[in-house]
Amino acid sequence: MKFILNIFIIMPFFAIANQDSLLSVDKVGLNGISELYDKLALKEEESSQLTREDTISWRLHQLDKNSPMDLMYNDKVQVFIDSYLGRNKALISRMKGLSPYYFPMFERELDLYNLPLEFKYLAIVESALNPKARSHSGASGLWQFMYLTGKQYGLEVTSYTDERQDPLKATKSACEYFVSLYDTFGDWNLVLAAYNGGPGYLQRKISSVGSSDFWELYPYLREETRNYVPTFIAVNYVMQFSNEHDIVIEKPNISFEDVDTIILKKEVESKVLTELLCISEQTINYLNPAYKKSIFPEGATLVFPINAVNDFKLNEKTNYTFIDAVENKEILIDEERIIYRVNKGDYLGRIARAHNVHIFEIKEWNDLRSSKLDVGDRLVIYIKKEILLKNERKILASIKYVIQKGDTLWDIAKKHNGLSIWKIKALNNMENDNLKPGATILLPTS
């Protein structure tokens, strides 16, 4: 046994001998390592004398033996494993909590299309299992479909709904896309790379490099596509060996039980439904992710836990009265009603931006038929509580300034990195530019 362990301790890891050595590892070398692993039949409890990297390598080898995908270990993969076990450990805790809600459906569809079940982990790489995830480039949903690719695979997008965010429909489309990519490239690593970078881009790289082996293509790919496969392998590892790394499960605030549907008779905001149905917004989004906005249109068919549906139907008339009251601002859920006094130089656009509302809303709330304002006018504004808290924090963080003889607002603004005069006046609710020496005003920090 000591001899066996010594072999492992001194055995060179071809994939990590130097930064580019994995490119020179041939199939014979990999098969030799595989045969040695099998021959020694190393058990987890017998690996205490191995290094951390040795153990991770061995564990990945066990996963690789049971998968058609290439879950190989190398230094590129280790970097991302370290990340998920380090600063991104909390993410894996959340993924372990969310996976029971999504993985059974993923596995059913992947099996139906005869695809490797390990693809379920790709949704973590793409969206962190958030069906409403949206990238800067416009990709959306669990599988991050771009608009045109989604349309190509039957995912419709309207002003209110986005089927890229529908878990089941998007998963079916993703499976069809995986099948198509495999028909083109015949290699699961290349399928992953093409899913990220696009099949046209990958095919051009294969032609220019003269190789269809991902690890030979690796140095020639752009960074995001280059790191995509190692990230996927790392997620496979940390999700399956989370217990061995003491990763706790963070359970989401989702109520998932028997469900039923409600057909809305009028437009309703998500925040109103959370109040009426006593369920979390996370549950509403989980059960109805295809709706793009926090507003559900009249006629929408929504899915909720059956007890909430029964309660809504039993009190339907009262519920719609409540919905009307919220719409008419008779009942406020996440807002506060404030009175704003118009100062010199104010106009609707400036006031709207300062309170994070729209011009048309201020006009509607105050029955204004034009945009003309007079100094001293009082405007009713409904402001989000989170904006109020933000403004309060700004006031607490403001700098106190004692006005000196001869000071003007322009002088003060110039001395403090060119602060906006309007911001100073708004923060101090000043009606004019007159300053009294000795008085204290607040200066915004940003």
Protein backbone atom coordinates (compact mmCIF):
# COMPACT_ATOMS: atom_id res chain seq x y z
CA MET A 1 0.00 0.00 0.00
CA LYS A 2 2.86 2.36 0.82
CA PHE A 3 4.33 1.63 -2.62
CA ILE A 4 1.02 2.50 -4.26
CA LEU A 5 0.77 5.81 -2.45
CA ASN A 6 4.35 6.69 -3.34
CA ILE A 7 3.47 6.20 -7.00
CA PHE A 8 0.72 8.79 -6.66
CA ILE A 9 2.86 11.22 -4.76
CA ILE A 10 5.70 11.24 -7.30
CA MET A 11 3.63 10.65 -10.45
CA PRO A 12 3.89 13.72 -12.72
CA PHE A 13 0.60 15.32 -13.71
CA PHE A 14 1.07 15.85 -17.43
CA ALA A 15 -1.76 18.37 -17.65
CA ILE A 16 -0.17 20.77 -15.16
CA ALA A 17 3.57 20.41 -15.78
CA ASN A 18 3.57 23.89 -17.30
CA GLN A 19 0.99 26.33 -18.56
CA ASP A 20 0.79 24.88 -22.06
CA SER A 21 1.70 21.26 -21.34
CA LEU A 22 -1.87 20.05 -21.53
CA LEU A 23 -1.72 20.78 -25.25
CA SER A 24 0.92 18.10 -25.69
CA VAL A 25 -0.84 15.33 -23.76
CA ASP A 26 -1.82 12.66 -26.24
CA LYS A 27 -4.49 10.00 -25.94
CA VAL A 28 -1.94 7.36 -24.98
CA GLY A 29 -0.85 9.42 -21.99
CA LEU A 30 -4.40 10.04 -20.86
CA ASN A 31 -5.35 6.41 -21.30
CA GLY A 32 -2.30 5.39 -19.33
CA ILE A 33 -3.36 7.59 -16.43
CA SER A 34 -6.90 6.24 -16.68
CA GLU A 35 -5.68 2.64 -16.61
CA LEU A 36 -3.48 3.38 -13.61
CA TYR A 37 -6.42 4.90 -11.75
CA ASP A 38 -8.53 1.85 -12.53
CA LYS A 39 -5.78 -0.58 -11.62
CA LEU A 40 -5.09 0.98 -8.25
CA ALA A 41 -8.85 1.34 -7.54
CA LEU A 42 -8.05 4.13 -5.12
CA LYS A 43 -10.80 4.76 -2.58
CA GLU A 44 -11.61 8.18 -1.13
CA GLU A 45 -10.79 7.13 2.40
CA GLU A 46 -7.39 5.89 1.26
CA SER A 47 -6.38 9.19 -0.32
CA SER A 48 -5.56 11.16 2.86
CA GLN A 49 -1.87 11.36 1.94
CA LEU A 50 -2.57 12.84 -1.49
CA THR A 51 -2.42 16.56 -2.17
CA ARG A 52 -5.65 18.53 -2.53
CA GLU A 53 -5.10 18.70 -6.31
CA ASP A 54 -4.51 14.93 -6.47
CA THR A 55 -7.81 14.31 -4.71
CA ILE A 56 -9.74 16.67 -6.97
CA SER A 57 -8.13 15.07 -10.01
CA TRP A 58 -9.12 11.60 -8.82
CA ARG A 59 -12.69 12.66 -8.09
CA LEU A 60 -13.07 14.24 -11.51
CA HIS A 61 -11.74 11.04 -13.04
CA GLN A 62 -14.55 9.12 -11.33
CA LEU A 63 -17.10 11.54 -12.79
CA ASP A 64 -15.48 11.31 -16.20
CA LYS A 65 -15.73 7.50 -16.25
CA ASN A 66 -19.52 7.80 -15.97
CA SER A 67 -20.04 10.56 -18.50
CA PRO A 68 -19.75 10.83 -22.29
CA MET A 69 -18.47 14.36 -21.74
CA ASP A 70 -14.77 15.08 -21.28
CA LEU A 71 -14.48 16.03 -17.58
CA MET A 72 -10.70 16.08 -17.53
CA TYR A 73 -8.57 17.71 -14.84
CA ASN A 74 -5.89 20.30 -15.55
CA ASP A 75 -4.58 23.56 -14.14
CA LYS A 76 -7.14 25.55 -16.17
CA VAL A 77 -9.97 23.67 -14.47
CA GLN A 78 -8.34 23.99 -11.04
CA VAL A 79 -8.45 27.79 -11.26
CA PHE A 80 -12.24 27.76 -11.51
CA ILE A 81 -12.67 25.04 -8.89
CA ASP A 82 -10.65 27.24 -6.51
CA SER A 83 -12.94 30.16 -7.35
CA TYR A 84 -16.12 28.21 -6.60
CA LEU A 85 -14.67 26.85 -3.37
CA GLY A 86 -13.42 30.31 -2.41
CA ARG A 87 -14.99 33.67 -3.13
CA ASN A 88 -17.92 32.14 -5.05
CA LYS A 89 -18.75 29.49 -2.46
CA ALA A 90 -21.99 31.27 -1.55
CA LEU A 91 -23.14 30.91 -5.16
CA ILE A 92 -22.80 27.13 -4.96
CA SER A 93 -24.78 27.15 -1.70
CA ARG A 94 -27.63 28.89 -3.53
CA MET A 95 -27.34 26.56 -6.52
CA LYS A 96 -27.63 23.52 -4.25
CA GLY A 97 -30.81 25.02 -2.83
CA LEU A 98 -32.33 25.83 -6.23
CA SER A 99 -31.30 22.66 -8.06
CA PRO A 100 -34.16 20.47 -6.74
CA TYR A 101 -36.60 22.86 -8.42
CA TYR A 102 -34.95 22.75 -11.85
CA PHE A 103 -32.74 19.67 -12.24
CA PRO A 104 -35.52 17.03 -12.39
CA MET A 105 -37.07 18.86 -15.35
CA PHE A 106 -33.65 19.39 -17.00
CA GLU A 107 -32.80 15.69 -16.62
CA ARG A 108 -36.15 14.58 -18.04
CA GLU A 109 -35.71 16.71 -21.17
CA LEU A 110 -32.02 15.85 -21.61
CA ASP A 111 -32.87 12.15 -21.36
CA LEU A 112 -35.69 12.59 -23.87
CA TYR A 113 -33.19 14.05 -26.37
CA ASN A 114 -30.56 11.41 -25.48
CA LEU A 115 -28.14 14.09 -24.26
CA PRO A 116 -25.60 13.85 -21.41
CA LEU A 117 -27.32 14.66 -18.12
CA GLU A 118 -24.29 16.74 -17.13
CA PHE A 119 -25.67 19.52 -19.35
CA LYS A 120 -27.95 20.43 -16.44
CA TYR A 121 -24.95 22.17 -14.86
CA LEU A 122 -24.60 24.44 -17.87
CA ALA A 123 -27.63 26.42 -16.68
CA ILE A 124 -25.59 27.36 -13.60
CA VAL A 125 -22.77 28.64 -15.80
CA GLU A 126 -25.21 30.55 -18.00
CA SER A 127 -27.71 32.06 -15.57
CA ALA A 128 -27.05 30.86 -12.00
CA LEU A 129 -30.46 29.15 -12.30
CA ASN A 130 -32.25 32.47 -12.64
CA PRO A 131 -34.99 32.19 -15.30
CA LYS A 132 -35.18 35.99 -15.49
CA ALA A 133 -31.43 36.48 -15.95
CA ARG A 134 -30.54 38.93 -18.71
CA SER A 135 -27.04 39.68 -19.98
CA HIS A 136 -25.65 42.98 -21.25
CA SER A 137 -25.76 41.56 -24.76
CA GLY A 138 -29.50 40.80 -24.48
CA ALA A 139 -29.35 37.04 -23.85
CA SER A 140 -32.19 35.95 -21.59
CA GLY A 141 -33.42 33.07 -19.44
CA LEU A 142 -31.93 29.98 -17.82
CA TRP A 143 -30.09 29.07 -21.03
CA GLN A 144 -29.30 32.65 -22.10
CA PHE A 145 -30.74 32.57 -25.59
CA MET A 146 -30.14 35.58 -27.80
CA TYR A 147 -33.28 36.93 -29.46
CA LEU A 148 -32.59 35.57 -32.96
CA THR A 149 -31.37 32.17 -31.73
CA GLY A 150 -34.45 31.90 -29.53
CA LYS A 151 -36.70 32.69 -32.50
CA GLN A 152 -34.84 30.10 -34.57
CA TYR A 153 -35.69 27.45 -31.95
CA GLY A 154 -39.32 28.48 -31.48
CA LEU A 155 -39.12 30.85 -28.51
CA GLU A 156 -41.48 33.80 -28.97
CA VAL A 157 -41.00 37.24 -27.43
CA THR A 158 -43.75 39.87 -27.01
CA SER A 159 -43.99 43.12 -25.09
CA TYR A 160 -45.20 41.23 -22.01
CA THR A 161 -43.82 37.71 -22.35
CA ASP A 162 -40.50 36.14 -23.19
CA GLU A 163 -40.48 32.38 -23.77
CA ARG A 164 -36.70 32.39 -23.37
CA GLN A 165 -37.55 32.83 -19.68
CA ASP A 166 -39.98 29.88 -19.64
CA PRO A 167 -37.92 27.06 -18.04
CA LEU A 168 -39.61 24.16 -19.85
CA LYS A 169 -39.87 25.75 -23.31
CA ALA A 170 -36.34 27.15 -23.13
CA THR A 171 -34.93 23.81 -21.96
CA LYS A 172 -36.54 22.00 -24.89
CA SER A 173 -35.06 24.58 -27.26
CA ALA A 174 -31.64 24.29 -25.61
CA CYS A 175 -31.75 20.51 -26.08
CA GLU A 176 -32.59 20.94 -29.76
CA TYR A 177 -29.67 23.34 -30.08
CA PHE A 178 -27.28 20.91 -28.33
CA VAL A 179 -28.34 18.14 -30.72
CA SER A 180 -27.79 20.42 -33.71
CA LEU A 181 -24.34 21.49 -32.47
CA TYR A 182 -23.30 17.88 -31.87
CA ASP A 183 -24.38 16.97 -35.40
CA THR A 184 -22.04 19.73 -36.61
CA PHE A 185 -18.99 19.17 -34.39
CA GLY A 186 -19.27 15.61 -33.01
CA ASP A 187 -17.46 16.54 -29.79
CA TRP A 188 -19.06 17.67 -26.52
CA ASN A 189 -16.30 20.15 -25.66
CA LEU A 190 -16.79 21.77 -29.05
CA VAL A 191 -20.56 21.81 -28.47
CA LEU A 192 -19.94 23.79 -25.27
CA ALA A 193 -17.53 26.17 -26.98
CA ALA A 194 -19.92 26.69 -29.91
CA TYR A 195 -22.84 27.30 -27.53
CA ASN A 196 -20.87 30.15 -26.00
CA GLY A 197 -18.99 31.58 -28.97
CA GLY A 198 -21.30 30.64 -31.80
CA PRO A 199 -20.87 27.78 -34.29
CA GLY A 200 -19.63 30.07 -37.05
CA TYR A 201 -16.89 31.54 -34.86
CA LEU A 202 -15.76 28.12 -33.67
CA GLN A 203 -15.72 26.65 -37.17
CA ARG A 204 -13.48 29.51 -38.36
CA LYS A 205 -11.07 28.82 -35.47
CA ILE A 206 -10.98 25.11 -36.28
CA SER A 207 -10.17 25.92 -39.90
CA SER A 208 -7.47 28.47 -39.05
CA VAL A 209 -5.78 26.35 -36.34
CA GLY A 210 -6.18 23.08 -38.20
CA SER A 211 -7.43 21.11 -35.21
CA SER A 212 -10.81 20.09 -33.81
CA ASP A 213 -9.46 19.32 -30.33
CA PHE A 214 -10.68 21.89 -27.81
CA TRP A 215 -7.47 21.94 -25.77
CA GLU A 216 -5.43 22.56 -28.92
CA LEU A 217 -7.81 25.35 -29.87
CA TYR A 218 -7.73 26.73 -26.32
CA PRO A 219 -4.95 29.35 -26.72
CA TYR A 220 -6.50 30.71 -29.91
CA LEU A 221 -10.03 31.26 -28.56
CA ARG A 222 -11.25 34.51 -27.04
CA GLU A 223 -11.13 34.54 -23.26
CA GLU A 224 -14.82 33.95 -22.54
CA THR A 225 -15.06 30.94 -24.87
CA ARG A 226 -11.66 29.64 -23.76
CA ASN A 227 -12.77 29.62 -20.11
CA TYR A 228 -16.23 28.22 -20.80
CA VAL A 229 -15.29 24.52 -20.82
CA PRO A 230 -13.05 24.70 -17.70
CA THR A 231 -15.85 26.57 -15.90
CA PHE A 232 -18.37 23.89 -16.88
CA ILE A 233 -16.08 21.12 -15.61
CA ALA A 234 -15.49 23.03 -12.37
CA VAL A 235 -19.24 23.42 -11.77
CA ASN A 236 -19.70 19.69 -12.32
CA TYR A 237 -17.09 19.05 -9.66
CA VAL A 238 -18.25 21.47 -6.97
CA MET A 239 -21.92 20.59 -7.32
CA GLN A 240 -21.26 16.86 -6.98
CA PHE A 241 -18.63 17.13 -4.24
CA SER A 242 -20.09 20.05 -2.29
CA ASN A 243 -20.48 17.96 0.87
CA GLU A 244 -16.79 17.09 0.85
CA HIS A 245 -16.02 20.81 0.87
CA ASP A 246 -18.54 21.66 3.64
CA ILE A 247 -20.78 23.70 1.36
CA VAL A 248 -24.12 24.18 3.08
CA ILE A 249 -27.42 24.33 1.20
CA GLU A 250 -29.12 27.72 1.09
CA LYS A 251 -32.80 27.04 0.58
CA PRO A 252 -34.67 29.63 -1.51
CA ASN A 253 -37.81 31.41 -0.42
CA ILE A 254 -39.99 29.52 -2.87
CA SER A 255 -43.33 27.95 -2.08
CA PHE A 256 -43.55 24.96 -4.38
CA GLU A 257 -46.53 22.75 -3.78
CA ASP A 258 -49.60 21.69 -5.78
CA VAL A 259 -50.42 24.52 -8.17
CA ASP A 260 -53.43 25.91 -10.01
CA THR A 261 -54.05 28.86 -12.32
CA ILE A 262 -55.75 32.26 -12.21
CA ILE A 263 -56.86 34.17 -15.31
CA LEU A 264 -56.59 37.87 -14.52
CA LYS A 265 -59.60 40.06 -15.24
CA LYS A 266 -57.48 43.20 -15.20
CA GLU A 267 -53.86 44.31 -15.25
CA VAL A 268 -52.08 43.70 -11.92
CA GLU A 269 -48.63 44.52 -10.60
CA SER A 270 -46.52 41.78 -9.03
CA LYS A 271 -46.23 43.69 -5.74
CA VAL A 272 -50.05 43.68 -5.43
CA LEU A 273 -50.22 39.92 -5.89
CA THR A 274 -47.61 39.37 -3.17
CA GLU A 275 -49.90 41.28 -0.79
CA LEU A 276 -53.10 39.55 -1.87
CA LEU A 277 -51.76 36.00 -2.04
CA CYS A 278 -49.24 36.19 0.83
CA ILE A 279 -46.54 34.57 -1.28
CA SER A 280 -43.07 35.84 -2.05
CA GLU A 281 -42.11 37.62 -5.24
CA GLN A 282 -39.50 34.89 -5.72
CA THR A 283 -42.30 32.30 -5.81
CA ILE A 284 -44.30 34.39 -8.30
CA ASN A 285 -41.25 34.75 -10.56
CA TYR A 286 -40.38 31.07 -10.25
CA LEU A 287 -43.87 29.92 -11.21
CA ASN A 288 -44.39 32.60 -13.90
CA PRO A 289 -40.93 33.49 -15.24
CA ALA A 290 -41.98 34.03 -18.86
CA TYR A 291 -43.56 37.38 -17.96
CA LYS A 292 -40.94 40.04 -18.65
CA LYS A 293 -42.10 42.82 -16.37
CA SER A 294 -43.50 43.21 -12.89
CA ILE A 295 -46.89 43.90 -14.50
CA PHE A 296 -49.19 41.08 -15.56
CA PRO A 297 -51.68 42.06 -18.30
CA GLU A 298 -55.41 41.48 -18.35
CA GLY A 299 -56.11 37.93 -19.50
CA ALA A 300 -52.77 36.56 -18.28
CA THR A 301 -52.88 32.97 -17.03
CA LEU A 302 -50.77 32.81 -13.88
CA VAL A 303 -49.64 29.81 -11.84
CA PHE A 304 -49.72 29.91 -8.03
CA PRO A 305 -49.82 27.44 -5.12
CA ILE A 306 -53.30 25.92 -5.01
CA ASN A 307 -54.13 27.30 -1.55
CA ALA A 308 -53.40 30.84 -2.77
CA VAL A 309 -55.54 30.29 -5.88
CA ASN A 310 -58.46 29.02 -3.81
CA ASP A 311 -58.20 32.00 -1.46
CA PHE A 312 -58.09 34.46 -4.39
CA LYS A 313 -61.18 32.94 -6.01
CA LEU A 314 -63.14 32.92 -2.74
CA ASN A 315 -62.44 36.63 -2.26
CA GLU A 316 -62.31 37.66 -5.91
CA LYS A 317 -64.56 40.74 -5.67
CA THR A 318 -62.69 42.12 -2.65
CA ASN A 319 -59.35 41.40 -4.30
CA TYR A 320 -60.20 43.41 -7.42
CA THR A 321 -61.45 46.26 -5.22
CA PHE A 322 -58.04 46.20 -3.52
CA ILE A 323 -56.30 46.18 -6.92
CA ASP A 324 -58.30 49.26 -7.96
CA ALA A 325 -57.45 51.04 -4.70
CA VAL A 326 -53.72 50.46 -5.26
CA GLU A 327 -53.97 51.69 -8.85
CA ASN A 328 -55.76 54.86 -7.67
CA LYS A 329 -53.15 55.46 -4.92
CA GLU A 330 -55.78 55.02 -2.21
CA ILE A 331 -53.64 52.20 -0.81
CA LEU A 332 -49.85 52.43 -0.92
CA ILE A 333 -47.76 49.25 -0.79
CA ASP A 334 -44.13 50.20 -1.39
CA GLU A 335 -44.49 53.97 -1.75
CA GLU A 336 -44.76 57.12 0.34
CA ARG A 337 -46.74 60.25 -0.53
CA ILE A 338 -44.69 63.43 -0.30
CA ILE A 339 -45.38 67.09 -1.04
CA TYR A 340 -42.68 68.82 -3.06
CA ARG A 341 -42.43 72.60 -3.15
CA VAL A 342 -41.27 74.01 -6.48
CA ASN A 343 -38.06 76.07 -6.26
CA LYS A 344 -36.64 78.67 -8.62
CA GLY A 345 -35.21 76.96 -11.70
CA ASP A 346 -37.29 73.79 -11.24
CA TYR A 347 -38.97 72.09 -14.16
CA LEU A 348 -40.82 68.77 -14.45
CA GLY A 349 -37.94 66.84 -15.99
CA ARG A 350 -35.55 67.82 -13.21
CA ILE A 351 -38.07 67.04 -10.47
CA ALA A 352 -38.94 63.69 -12.05
CA ARG A 353 -35.27 62.64 -12.28
CA ALA A 354 -34.62 63.68 -8.70
CA HIS A 355 -37.42 61.44 -7.42
CA ASN A 356 -36.96 58.60 -9.93
CA VAL A 357 -40.43 58.96 -11.41
CA HIS A 358 -41.78 59.88 -14.85
CA ILE A 359 -42.96 63.30 -16.01
CA PHE A 360 -46.32 61.88 -17.07
CA GLU A 361 -46.81 60.46 -13.57
CA ILE A 362 -46.28 63.85 -11.88
CA LYS A 363 -48.73 65.43 -14.32
CA GLU A 364 -51.26 62.65 -13.69
CA TRP A 365 -50.94 62.78 -9.89
CA ASN A 366 -51.41 66.56 -9.87
CA ASP A 367 -53.92 66.87 -12.73
CA LEU A 368 -51.53 69.12 -14.65
CA ARG A 369 -52.53 69.96 -18.20
CA SER A 370 -49.23 71.64 -19.04
CA SER A 371 -45.62 71.52 -17.90
CA LYS A 372 -45.63 75.10 -16.58
CA LEU A 373 -44.65 75.47 -12.92
CA ASP A 374 -44.55 78.46 -10.59
CA VAL A 375 -42.19 78.91 -7.66
CA GLY A 376 -43.99 77.79 -4.51
CA ASP A 377 -46.32 75.33 -6.25
CA ARG A 378 -46.88 72.16 -4.26
CA LEU A 379 -46.69 68.86 -6.09
CA VAL A 380 -47.87 65.48 -4.85
CA ILE A 381 -45.25 62.82 -5.65
CA TYR A 382 -45.42 59.11 -4.87
CA ILE A 383 -41.89 57.95 -4.26
CA LYS A 384 -40.63 54.40 -3.78
CA LYS A 385 -39.62 53.63 -0.20
CA GLU A 386 -36.25 52.36 -1.39
CA ILE A 387 -35.60 55.75 -3.04
CA LEU A 388 -36.59 57.53 0.17
CA LEU A 389 -34.13 55.40 2.14
CA LYS A 390 -31.44 56.10 -0.44
CA ASN A 391 -32.08 59.84 -0.19
CA GLU A 392 -31.98 59.66 3.60
CA ARG A 393 -28.63 57.91 3.44
CA LYS A 394 -27.38 60.64 1.12
CA ILE A 395 -28.42 63.30 3.62
CA LEU A 396 -26.67 61.45 6.45
CA ALA A 397 -23.55 61.21 4.31
CA SER A 398 -23.65 64.88 3.31
CA ILE A 399 -21.01 67.40 4.32
CA LYS A 400 -21.98 70.26 6.63
CA TYR A 401 -20.80 73.66 5.43
CA VAL A 402 -20.95 76.94 7.34
CA ILE A 403 -21.67 79.87 5.02
CA GLN A 404 -19.00 82.55 5.04
CA LYS A 405 -19.48 86.26 4.34
CA GLY A 406 -19.46 86.85 0.60
CA ASP A 407 -20.23 83.21 -0.28
CA THR A 408 -22.42 82.47 -3.29
CA LEU A 409 -23.80 79.12 -4.35
CA TRP A 410 -21.61 79.27 -7.43
CA ASP A 411 -18.48 79.81 -5.27
CA ILE A 412 -19.41 76.95 -2.92
CA ALA A 413 -20.12 74.58 -5.80
CA LYS A 414 -16.84 75.45 -7.49
CA LYS A 415 -14.84 74.87 -4.28
CA HIS A 416 -16.37 71.41 -3.88
CA ASN A 417 -15.44 69.74 -7.17
CA GLY A 418 -18.01 71.62 -9.19
CA LEU A 419 -21.13 70.42 -7.37
CA SER A 420 -24.40 71.20 -9.08
CA ILE A 421 -26.02 74.36 -7.66
CA TRP A 422 -29.39 72.74 -8.21
CA LYS A 423 -28.37 69.71 -6.10
CA ILE A 424 -27.32 72.00 -3.24
CA LYS A 425 -30.64 73.85 -3.39
CA ALA A 426 -32.68 70.64 -3.63
CA LEU A 427 -30.89 69.02 -0.68
CA ASN A 428 -31.48 72.11 1.48
CA ASN A 429 -34.96 72.89 0.10
CA MET A 430 -33.84 76.43 -0.79
CA GLU A 431 -36.32 78.67 -2.60
CA ASN A 432 -33.73 81.22 -3.74
CA ASP A 433 -29.98 81.85 -3.95
CA ASN A 434 -29.78 84.03 -0.85
CA LEU A 435 -27.24 82.87 1.72
CA LYS A 436 -26.97 83.98 5.36
CA PRO A 437 -23.43 84.08 6.82
CA GLY A 438 -23.12 81.69 9.76
CA ALA A 439 -25.93 79.44 8.60
CA THR A 440 -25.18 75.74 8.00
CA ILE A 441 -26.11 73.96 4.79
CA LEU A 442 -25.57 70.38 3.58
CA LEU A 443 -23.43 69.62 0.54
CA PRO A 444 -24.08 66.37 -1.35
CA THR A 445 -21.12 64.00 -1.42
CA SER A 446 -21.84 62.97 -5.01
